[in-house]
Amino acid sequence: MSMARAEKELKGHHVLAMIVAFFGVIFGVNFLMAYLANATWSGLVVENGYVASQSFNSDLARAKAQEALGWNVGFSHDRDSVTVAFADAKGASIDTLNLTGRLQRTVTDRQDQQLTFAWMGSGLYSAPARLGPGLWEVEIDGKGGGVAGYHKIFRFVVNP
């Protein structure tokens, strides 16, 4: 004895519902990702790219002059501080700098911190910082030591 099974027929409104559901999911995920990307970081690096580009040659000249100093600059960090070490081309410590800095995440500005460096002796300058796990960037500016300005950026990772 065999039972006959009724086969369901695929009709146009079923296909339409499947296509609408498929593209609805695709569009929904895309809009969610676009919203989250836009809400978490503005993407703004400089206020006006054209104006920033006008100082390119002078920035390049400053960078070459800074490189010509031959200074050896080291960087270290722990969970509570960042430390920068300065030595001149002959290896003598540079102890006459006035340093400021900015600590920031590379993809958001929510944990940015201003750094106030204190001279620790022997060319070492240290600043308190709150460092969580992840990728960080510290930008330092210094005056003194026979130069009008010194600028350097360090990128580093804090492991969990």
C-alpha atoms as a PDB file:
ATOM      1  CA  MET A   1       0.000   0.000   0.000  1.00  0.00           C
ATOM      2  CA  SER A   2       1.537   3.261  -0.998  1.00  0.00           C
ATOM      3  CA  MET A   3       0.543   6.654   0.165  1.00  0.00           C
ATOM      4  CA  ALA A   4       0.471   9.437  -2.263  1.00  0.00           C
ATOM      5  CA  ARG A   5       2.223  12.585  -1.149  1.00  0.00           C
ATOM      6  CA  ALA A   6       1.008  15.925  -2.207  1.00  0.00           C
ATOM      7  CA  GLU A   7       3.858  17.946  -3.587  1.00  0.00           C
ATOM      8  CA  LYS A   8       3.954  21.615  -2.762  1.00  0.00           C
ATOM      9  CA  GLU A   9       4.144  23.791  -5.766  1.00  0.00           C
ATOM     10  CA  LEU A  10       6.627  26.688  -5.871  1.00  0.00           C
ATOM     11  CA  LYS A  11       4.653  29.695  -6.900  1.00  0.00           C
ATOM     12  CA  GLY A  12       5.646  33.223  -7.840  1.00  0.00           C
ATOM     13  CA  HIS A  13       4.774  34.765  -4.502  1.00  0.00           C
ATOM     14  CA  HIS A  14       7.046  32.207  -2.744  1.00  0.00           C
ATOM     15  CA  VAL A  15       9.959  33.168  -4.989  1.00  0.00           C
ATOM     16  CA  LEU A  16       9.230  36.848  -4.457  1.00  0.00           C
ATOM     17  CA  ALA A  17       9.212  36.346  -0.657  1.00  0.00           C
ATOM     18  CA  MET A  18      12.565  34.497  -0.808  1.00  0.00           C
ATOM     19  CA  ILE A  19      14.177  37.228  -2.934  1.00  0.00           C
ATOM     20  CA  VAL A  20      12.841  40.025  -0.708  1.00  0.00           C
ATOM     21  CA  ALA A  21      14.031  38.182   2.432  1.00  0.00           C
ATOM     22  CA  PHE A  22      17.490  37.552   0.935  1.00  0.00           C
ATOM     23  CA  PHE A  23      18.073  41.150  -0.136  1.00  0.00           C
ATOM     24  CA  GLY A  24      16.440  42.461   3.044  1.00  0.00           C
ATOM     25  CA  VAL A  25      19.056  40.660   5.135  1.00  0.00           C
ATOM     26  CA  ILE A  26      21.893  41.902   2.885  1.00  0.00           C
ATOM     27  CA  PHE A  27      20.699  45.534   3.000  1.00  0.00           C
ATOM     28  CA  GLY A  28      19.992  45.353   6.725  1.00  0.00           C
ATOM     29  CA  VAL A  29      23.505  44.112   7.553  1.00  0.00           C
ATOM     30  CA  ASN A  30      25.097  46.676   5.225  1.00  0.00           C
ATOM     31  CA  PHE A  31      23.164  49.561   6.760  1.00  0.00           C
ATOM     32  CA  LEU A  32      24.008  48.351  10.278  1.00  0.00           C
ATOM     33  CA  MET A  33      27.726  48.126   9.443  1.00  0.00           C
ATOM     34  CA  ALA A  34      27.699  51.565   7.796  1.00  0.00           C
ATOM     35  CA  TYR A  35      25.941  53.064  10.825  1.00  0.00           C
ATOM     36  CA  LEU A  36      28.373  51.498  13.294  1.00  0.00           C
ATOM     37  CA  ALA A  37      31.390  52.591  11.228  1.00  0.00           C
ATOM     38  CA  ASN A  38      30.126  56.148  11.068  1.00  0.00           C
ATOM     39  CA  ALA A  39      29.061  56.343  14.725  1.00  0.00           C
ATOM     40  CA  THR A  40      32.353  55.125  16.217  1.00  0.00           C
ATOM     41  CA  TRP A  41      34.888  57.382  14.499  1.00  0.00           C
ATOM     42  CA  SER A  42      34.611  60.505  12.420  1.00  0.00           C
ATOM     43  CA  GLY A  43      37.616  59.638  10.253  1.00  0.00           C
ATOM     44  CA  LEU A  44      38.843  63.210  10.614  1.00  0.00           C
ATOM     45  CA  VAL A  45      42.624  63.417  10.662  1.00  0.00           C
ATOM     46  CA  VAL A  46      43.051  67.091   9.818  1.00  0.00           C
ATOM     47  CA  GLU A  47      40.480  69.852   9.646  1.00  0.00           C
ATOM     48  CA  ASN A  48      41.311  70.817   6.084  1.00  0.00           C
ATOM     49  CA  GLY A  49      43.469  68.574   3.886  1.00  0.00           C
ATOM     50  CA  TYR A  50      44.235  71.330   1.406  1.00  0.00           C
ATOM     51  CA  VAL A  51      45.498  73.704   4.091  1.00  0.00           C
ATOM     52  CA  ALA A  52      47.524  70.900   5.697  1.00  0.00           C
ATOM     53  CA  SER A  53      49.132  70.102   2.336  1.00  0.00           C
ATOM     54  CA  GLN A  54      50.383  73.680   2.003  1.00  0.00           C
ATOM     55  CA  SER A  55      52.910  73.133   4.793  1.00  0.00           C
ATOM     56  CA  PHE A  56      54.301  69.903   3.317  1.00  0.00           C
ATOM     57  CA  ASN A  57      57.630  71.387   2.204  1.00  0.00           C
ATOM     58  CA  SER A  58      58.283  73.133   5.521  1.00  0.00           C
ATOM     59  CA  ASP A  59      57.272  69.968   7.426  1.00  0.00           C
ATOM     60  CA  LEU A  60      59.675  67.954   5.283  1.00  0.00           C
ATOM     61  CA  ALA A  61      62.488  70.448   5.923  1.00  0.00           C
ATOM     62  CA  ARG A  62      61.856  70.257   9.682  1.00  0.00           C
ATOM     63  CA  ALA A  63      61.922  66.445   9.538  1.00  0.00           C
ATOM     64  CA  LYS A  64      65.235  66.455   7.658  1.00  0.00           C
ATOM     65  CA  ALA A  65      66.748  68.932  10.137  1.00  0.00           C
ATOM     66  CA  GLN A  66      65.540  66.761  13.005  1.00  0.00           C
ATOM     67  CA  GLU A  67      67.062  63.650  11.389  1.00  0.00           C
ATOM     68  CA  ALA A  68      70.354  65.511  10.900  1.00  0.00           C
ATOM     69  CA  LEU A  69      70.629  65.956  14.685  1.00  0.00           C
ATOM     70  CA  GLY A  70      71.411  62.247  14.923  1.00  0.00           C
ATOM     71  CA  TRP A  71      69.564  61.876  18.211  1.00  0.00           C
ATOM     72  CA  ASN A  72      68.801  58.397  19.478  1.00  0.00           C
ATOM     73  CA  VAL A  73      65.281  58.322  20.866  1.00  0.00           C
ATOM     74  CA  GLY A  74      63.968  55.251  22.656  1.00  0.00           C
ATOM     75  CA  PHE A  75      60.484  54.452  23.825  1.00  0.00           C
ATOM     76  CA  SER A  76      59.059  52.068  26.419  1.00  0.00           C
ATOM     77  CA  HIS A  77      55.758  51.633  28.212  1.00  0.00           C
ATOM     78  CA  ASP A  78      53.959  49.712  30.901  1.00  0.00           C
ATOM     79  CA  ARG A  79      50.297  49.778  31.956  1.00  0.00           C
ATOM     80  CA  ASP A  80      50.671  52.998  33.940  1.00  0.00           C
ATOM     81  CA  SER A  81      53.238  55.100  32.072  1.00  0.00           C
ATOM     82  CA  VAL A  82      55.166  55.841  28.913  1.00  0.00           C
ATOM     83  CA  THR A  83      58.874  56.629  28.957  1.00  0.00           C
ATOM     84  CA  VAL A  84      61.026  58.295  26.307  1.00  0.00           C
ATOM     85  CA  ALA A  85      64.837  58.273  26.382  1.00  0.00           C
ATOM     86  CA  PHE A  86      66.906  60.894  24.542  1.00  0.00           C
ATOM     87  CA  ALA A  87      70.605  60.733  23.674  1.00  0.00           C
ATOM     88  CA  ASP A  88      72.577  62.877  21.237  1.00  0.00           C
ATOM     89  CA  ALA A  89      74.640  61.548  18.322  1.00  0.00           C
ATOM     90  CA  LYS A  90      77.594  60.879  20.655  1.00  0.00           C
ATOM     91  CA  GLY A  91      75.445  58.943  23.145  1.00  0.00           C
ATOM     92  CA  ALA A  92      75.262  61.653  25.815  1.00  0.00           C
ATOM     93  CA  SER A  93      71.895  61.991  27.505  1.00  0.00           C
ATOM     94  CA  ILE A  94      69.787  65.029  26.675  1.00  0.00           C
ATOM     95  CA  ASP A  95      68.359  66.399  29.911  1.00  0.00           C
ATOM     96  CA  THR A  96      67.187  69.876  28.943  1.00  0.00           C
ATOM     97  CA  LEU A  97      63.996  69.098  27.010  1.00  0.00           C
ATOM     98  CA  ASN A  98      60.535  70.300  27.807  1.00  0.00           C
ATOM     99  CA  LEU A  99      58.258  67.481  26.569  1.00  0.00           C
ATOM    100  CA  THR A 100      54.543  67.288  25.971  1.00  0.00           C
ATOM    101  CA  GLY A 101      52.624  64.495  24.358  1.00  0.00           C
ATOM    102  CA  ARG A 102      49.363  63.024  23.252  1.00  0.00           C
ATOM    103  CA  LEU A 103      48.433  59.381  23.678  1.00  0.00           C
ATOM    104  CA  GLN A 104      45.720  58.059  21.414  1.00  0.00           C
ATOM    105  CA  ARG A 105      44.125  54.975  19.954  1.00  0.00           C
ATOM    106  CA  THR A 106      44.621  54.596  16.231  1.00  0.00           C
ATOM    107  CA  VAL A 107      40.924  54.132  15.395  1.00  0.00           C
ATOM    108  CA  THR A 108      38.999  56.179  17.942  1.00  0.00           C
ATOM    109  CA  ASP A 109      39.385  59.346  19.948  1.00  0.00           C
ATOM    110  CA  ARG A 110      37.487  58.127  23.008  1.00  0.00           C
ATOM    111  CA  GLN A 111      40.553  57.199  25.064  1.00  0.00           C
ATOM    112  CA  ASP A 112      42.888  60.024  24.018  1.00  0.00           C
ATOM    113  CA  GLN A 113      45.052  61.418  26.802  1.00  0.00           C
ATOM    114  CA  GLN A 114      47.297  64.448  27.150  1.00  0.00           C
ATOM    115  CA  LEU A 115      50.694  63.509  28.559  1.00  0.00           C
ATOM    116  CA  THR A 116      52.801  65.582  30.905  1.00  0.00           C
ATOM    117  CA  PHE A 117      56.371  64.307  30.920  1.00  0.00           C
ATOM    118  CA  ALA A 118      58.647  64.640  33.912  1.00  0.00           C
ATOM    119  CA  TRP A 119      62.422  64.422  33.681  1.00  0.00           C
ATOM    120  CA  MET A 120      63.657  61.287  35.456  1.00  0.00           C
ATOM    121  CA  GLY A 121      67.402  61.850  34.935  1.00  0.00           C
ATOM    122  CA  SER A 122      69.889  60.430  32.398  1.00  0.00           C
ATOM    123  CA  GLY A 123      67.835  61.527  29.393  1.00  0.00           C
ATOM    124  CA  LEU A 124      64.685  59.749  30.573  1.00  0.00           C
ATOM    125  CA  TYR A 125      61.292  61.419  30.544  1.00  0.00           C
ATOM    126  CA  SER A 126      58.198  59.683  31.872  1.00  0.00           C
ATOM    127  CA  ALA A 127      54.483  60.455  31.880  1.00  0.00           C
ATOM    128  CA  PRO A 128      51.590  58.700  33.617  1.00  0.00           C
ATOM    129  CA  ALA A 129      49.149  57.016  31.237  1.00  0.00           C
ATOM    130  CA  ARG A 130      46.201  54.632  31.330  1.00  0.00           C
ATOM    131  CA  LEU A 131      46.947  51.921  28.786  1.00  0.00           C
ATOM    132  CA  GLY A 132      44.450  49.191  28.010  1.00  0.00           C
ATOM    133  CA  PRO A 133      45.152  46.325  25.640  1.00  0.00           C
ATOM    134  CA  GLY A 134      45.373  47.170  21.949  1.00  0.00           C
ATOM    135  CA  LEU A 135      47.110  49.425  19.450  1.00  0.00           C
ATOM    136  CA  TRP A 136      48.229  52.869  20.665  1.00  0.00           C
ATOM    137  CA  GLU A 137      50.099  55.844  19.300  1.00  0.00           C
ATOM    138  CA  VAL A 138      52.019  58.438  21.299  1.00  0.00           C
ATOM    139  CA  GLU A 139      52.986  61.735  19.706  1.00  0.00           C
ATOM    140  CA  ILE A 140      55.648  63.766  21.502  1.00  0.00           C
ATOM    141  CA  ASP A 141      56.783  67.335  21.047  1.00  0.00           C
ATOM    142  CA  GLY A 142      59.859  68.738  22.722  1.00  0.00           C
ATOM    143  CA  LYS A 143      61.705  72.018  22.954  1.00  0.00           C
ATOM    144  CA  GLY A 144      65.163  72.678  24.291  1.00  0.00           C
ATOM    145  CA  GLY A 145      68.404  70.786  23.899  1.00  0.00           C
ATOM    146  CA  GLY A 146      69.524  73.283  21.292  1.00  0.00           C
ATOM    147  CA  VAL A 147      66.483  72.799  19.028  1.00  0.00           C
ATOM    148  CA  ALA A 148      63.357  74.861  18.544  1.00  0.00           C
ATOM    149  CA  GLY A 149      61.170  71.799  18.265  1.00  0.00           C
ATOM    150  CA  TYR A 150      61.376  68.027  18.156  1.00  0.00           C
ATOM    151  CA  HIS A 151      58.461  65.861  17.008  1.00  0.00           C
ATOM    152  CA  LYS A 152      58.164  62.077  17.003  1.00  0.00           C
ATOM    153  CA  ILE A 153      55.397  59.487  16.841  1.00  0.00           C
ATOM    154  CA  PHE A 154      55.623  55.996  18.303  1.00  0.00           C
ATOM    155  CA  ARG A 155      53.085  53.261  17.554  1.00  0.00           C
ATOM    156  CA  PHE A 156      52.934  50.303  19.918  1.00  0.00           C
ATOM    157  CA  VAL A 157      50.776  47.427  21.091  1.00  0.00           C
ATOM    158  CA  VAL A 158      49.751  46.728  24.678  1.00  0.00           C
ATOM    159  CA  ASN A 159      49.141  43.017  25.117  1.00  0.00           C
ATOM    160  CA  PRO A 160      46.240  41.815  27.275  1.00  0.00           C
END
